[in-house]
Amino acid sequence: MFTVIGAIPRGKVASYGQVARLAGFPNYARKVGQLLKHLPPESTLPWYRVVNSQRRISFASDSDKFQEQKQRLEAEGVTFSGTNLIAKQCFWE
């Protein structure tokens, strides 16, 4: 799964389920989230490029992690609507 996450291009996002499927583990979307939750702080894996299937960041919108993830994505050119919905064209195909 880490290899798939590392392959998500700059400026694109993928869903937890998409990462699981591409890694050969369909129906293991929650496992992707669990793995990302335990990344060491010094990891260079682009964890912030993984979002939920509703095209949204999974962290609470008032949390520091939400703000960090959104800022990182915006810095790469990912666009959001006023309701924090990620633009369809930003999803990795």
C-alpha atoms as a PDB file:
ATOM      1  CA  MET A   1       0.000   0.000   0.000  1.00  0.00           C
ATOM      2  CA  PHE A   2       2.875   2.366   0.738  1.00  0.00           C
ATOM      3  CA  THR A   3       4.139   1.930  -2.836  1.00  0.00           C
ATOM      4  CA  VAL A   4       0.734   2.947  -4.218  1.00  0.00           C
ATOM      5  CA  ILE A   5       0.545   5.997  -1.961  1.00  0.00           C
ATOM      6  CA  GLY A   6       4.043   7.002  -3.000  1.00  0.00           C
ATOM      7  CA  ALA A   7       2.974   6.771  -6.654  1.00  0.00           C
ATOM      8  CA  ILE A   8       0.086   9.258  -6.366  1.00  0.00           C
ATOM      9  CA  PRO A   9       1.247  12.164  -8.531  1.00  0.00           C
ATOM     10  CA  ARG A  10       1.748  15.665  -7.199  1.00  0.00           C
ATOM     11  CA  GLY A  11      -1.499  17.633  -7.544  1.00  0.00           C
ATOM     12  CA  LYS A  12      -3.671  14.494  -7.461  1.00  0.00           C
ATOM     13  CA  VAL A  13      -5.483  12.608  -4.716  1.00  0.00           C
ATOM     14  CA  ALA A  14      -6.727   9.044  -4.325  1.00  0.00           C
ATOM     15  CA  SER A  15      -9.330   7.561  -2.017  1.00  0.00           C
ATOM     16  CA  TYR A  16      -8.529   5.059   0.716  1.00  0.00           C
ATOM     17  CA  GLY A  17     -10.489   2.442  -1.241  1.00  0.00           C
ATOM     18  CA  GLN A  18      -8.676   3.220  -4.476  1.00  0.00           C
ATOM     19  CA  VAL A  19      -5.305   2.785  -2.752  1.00  0.00           C
ATOM     20  CA  ALA A  20      -6.425  -0.548  -1.293  1.00  0.00           C
ATOM     21  CA  ARG A  21      -7.679  -1.806  -4.686  1.00  0.00           C
ATOM     22  CA  LEU A  22      -4.513  -0.767  -6.504  1.00  0.00           C
ATOM     23  CA  ALA A  23      -2.437  -2.514  -3.836  1.00  0.00           C
ATOM     24  CA  GLY A  24      -4.389  -5.734  -4.406  1.00  0.00           C
ATOM     25  CA  PHE A  25      -6.515  -5.528  -1.271  1.00  0.00           C
ATOM     26  CA  PRO A  26     -10.047  -4.556  -2.323  1.00  0.00           C
ATOM     27  CA  ASN A  27     -12.384  -3.846   0.596  1.00  0.00           C
ATOM     28  CA  TYR A  28      -9.479  -2.821   2.850  1.00  0.00           C
ATOM     29  CA  ALA A  29      -9.946   0.946   2.740  1.00  0.00           C
ATOM     30  CA  ARG A  30     -10.001   1.202   6.528  1.00  0.00           C
ATOM     31  CA  LYS A  31      -6.682  -0.627   6.716  1.00  0.00           C
ATOM     32  CA  VAL A  32      -5.145   2.115   4.552  1.00  0.00           C
ATOM     33  CA  GLY A  33      -6.334   4.688   7.071  1.00  0.00           C
ATOM     34  CA  GLN A  34      -4.927   2.656   9.950  1.00  0.00           C
ATOM     35  CA  LEU A  35      -1.545   2.355   8.250  1.00  0.00           C
ATOM     36  CA  LEU A  36      -1.391   6.092   7.596  1.00  0.00           C
ATOM     37  CA  LYS A  37      -2.342   6.836  11.185  1.00  0.00           C
ATOM     38  CA  HIS A  38       0.835   5.095  12.364  1.00  0.00           C
ATOM     39  CA  LEU A  39       3.353   6.706  10.010  1.00  0.00           C
ATOM     40  CA  PRO A  40       6.413   8.021  11.807  1.00  0.00           C
ATOM     41  CA  PRO A  41       6.590  11.839  11.925  1.00  0.00           C
ATOM     42  CA  GLU A  42       9.720  11.857   9.747  1.00  0.00           C
ATOM     43  CA  SER A  43       8.052   9.878   6.943  1.00  0.00           C
ATOM     44  CA  THR A  44       8.223  11.429   3.486  1.00  0.00           C
ATOM     45  CA  LEU A  45       5.268   9.399   2.204  1.00  0.00           C
ATOM     46  CA  PRO A  46       2.654  11.814   0.758  1.00  0.00           C
ATOM     47  CA  TRP A  47      -0.095  10.704   3.173  1.00  0.00           C
ATOM     48  CA  TYR A  48      -1.976  13.941   2.561  1.00  0.00           C
ATOM     49  CA  ARG A  49      -2.842  12.812  -0.998  1.00  0.00           C
ATOM     50  CA  VAL A  50      -5.215  10.158   0.383  1.00  0.00           C
ATOM     51  CA  VAL A  51      -8.783  11.315   1.035  1.00  0.00           C
ATOM     52  CA  ASN A  52     -12.172   9.699   1.554  1.00  0.00           C
ATOM     53  CA  SER A  53     -14.520   8.469  -1.167  1.00  0.00           C
ATOM     54  CA  GLN A  54     -16.742  11.551  -0.752  1.00  0.00           C
ATOM     55  CA  ARG A  55     -13.830  13.664  -2.128  1.00  0.00           C
ATOM     56  CA  ARG A  56     -13.163  15.179   1.280  1.00  0.00           C
ATOM     57  CA  ILE A  57     -10.417  15.252   3.873  1.00  0.00           C
ATOM     58  CA  SER A  58     -11.310  12.832   6.664  1.00  0.00           C
ATOM     59  CA  PHE A  59     -10.045  14.925   9.577  1.00  0.00           C
ATOM     60  CA  ALA A  60     -12.467  17.237  11.374  1.00  0.00           C
ATOM     61  CA  SER A  61     -12.474  20.594   9.593  1.00  0.00           C
ATOM     62  CA  ASP A  62     -11.507  22.458  12.763  1.00  0.00           C
ATOM     63  CA  SER A  63      -8.436  20.282  13.440  1.00  0.00           C
ATOM     64  CA  ASP A  64      -4.787  21.119  12.833  1.00  0.00           C
ATOM     65  CA  LYS A  65      -4.372  17.966  10.722  1.00  0.00           C
ATOM     66  CA  PHE A  66      -7.224  19.059   8.439  1.00  0.00           C
ATOM     67  CA  GLN A  67      -5.578  22.435   7.930  1.00  0.00           C
ATOM     68  CA  GLU A  68      -2.178  20.831   7.308  1.00  0.00           C
ATOM     69  CA  GLN A  69      -3.577  18.389   4.756  1.00  0.00           C
ATOM     70  CA  LYS A  70      -5.583  21.057   2.950  1.00  0.00           C
ATOM     71  CA  GLN A  71      -2.622  23.441   2.799  1.00  0.00           C
ATOM     72  CA  ARG A  72      -0.324  20.733   1.431  1.00  0.00           C
ATOM     73  CA  LEU A  73      -2.858  19.796  -1.242  1.00  0.00           C
ATOM     74  CA  GLU A  74      -3.528  23.397  -2.233  1.00  0.00           C
ATOM     75  CA  ALA A  75       0.229  23.998  -2.509  1.00  0.00           C
ATOM     76  CA  GLU A  76       0.273  21.219  -5.120  1.00  0.00           C
ATOM     77  CA  GLY A  77      -2.633  22.721  -7.051  1.00  0.00           C
ATOM     78  CA  VAL A  78      -5.514  20.630  -5.703  1.00  0.00           C
ATOM     79  CA  THR A  79      -8.670  22.744  -5.737  1.00  0.00           C
ATOM     80  CA  PHE A  80     -11.539  22.743  -3.259  1.00  0.00           C
ATOM     81  CA  SER A  81     -15.080  24.094  -3.404  1.00  0.00           C
ATOM     82  CA  GLY A  82     -16.409  26.401  -0.698  1.00  0.00           C
ATOM     83  CA  THR A  83     -17.615  23.311   1.165  1.00  0.00           C
ATOM     84  CA  ASN A  84     -14.156  21.672   1.078  1.00  0.00           C
ATOM     85  CA  LEU A  85     -15.112  19.250  -1.696  1.00  0.00           C
ATOM     86  CA  ILE A  86     -12.092  18.297  -3.827  1.00  0.00           C
ATOM     87  CA  ALA A  87     -12.505  18.891  -7.554  1.00  0.00           C
ATOM     88  CA  LYS A  88     -13.112  15.701  -9.584  1.00  0.00           C
ATOM     89  CA  GLN A  89     -10.268  16.490 -11.972  1.00  0.00           C
ATOM     90  CA  CYS A  90      -7.851  16.283  -9.032  1.00  0.00           C
ATOM     91  CA  PHE A  91      -8.518  12.568  -8.569  1.00  0.00           C
ATOM     92  CA  TRP A  92      -5.843  10.190  -9.793  1.00  0.00           C
ATOM     93  CA  GLU A  93      -7.024   7.887 -12.569  1.00  0.00           C
END
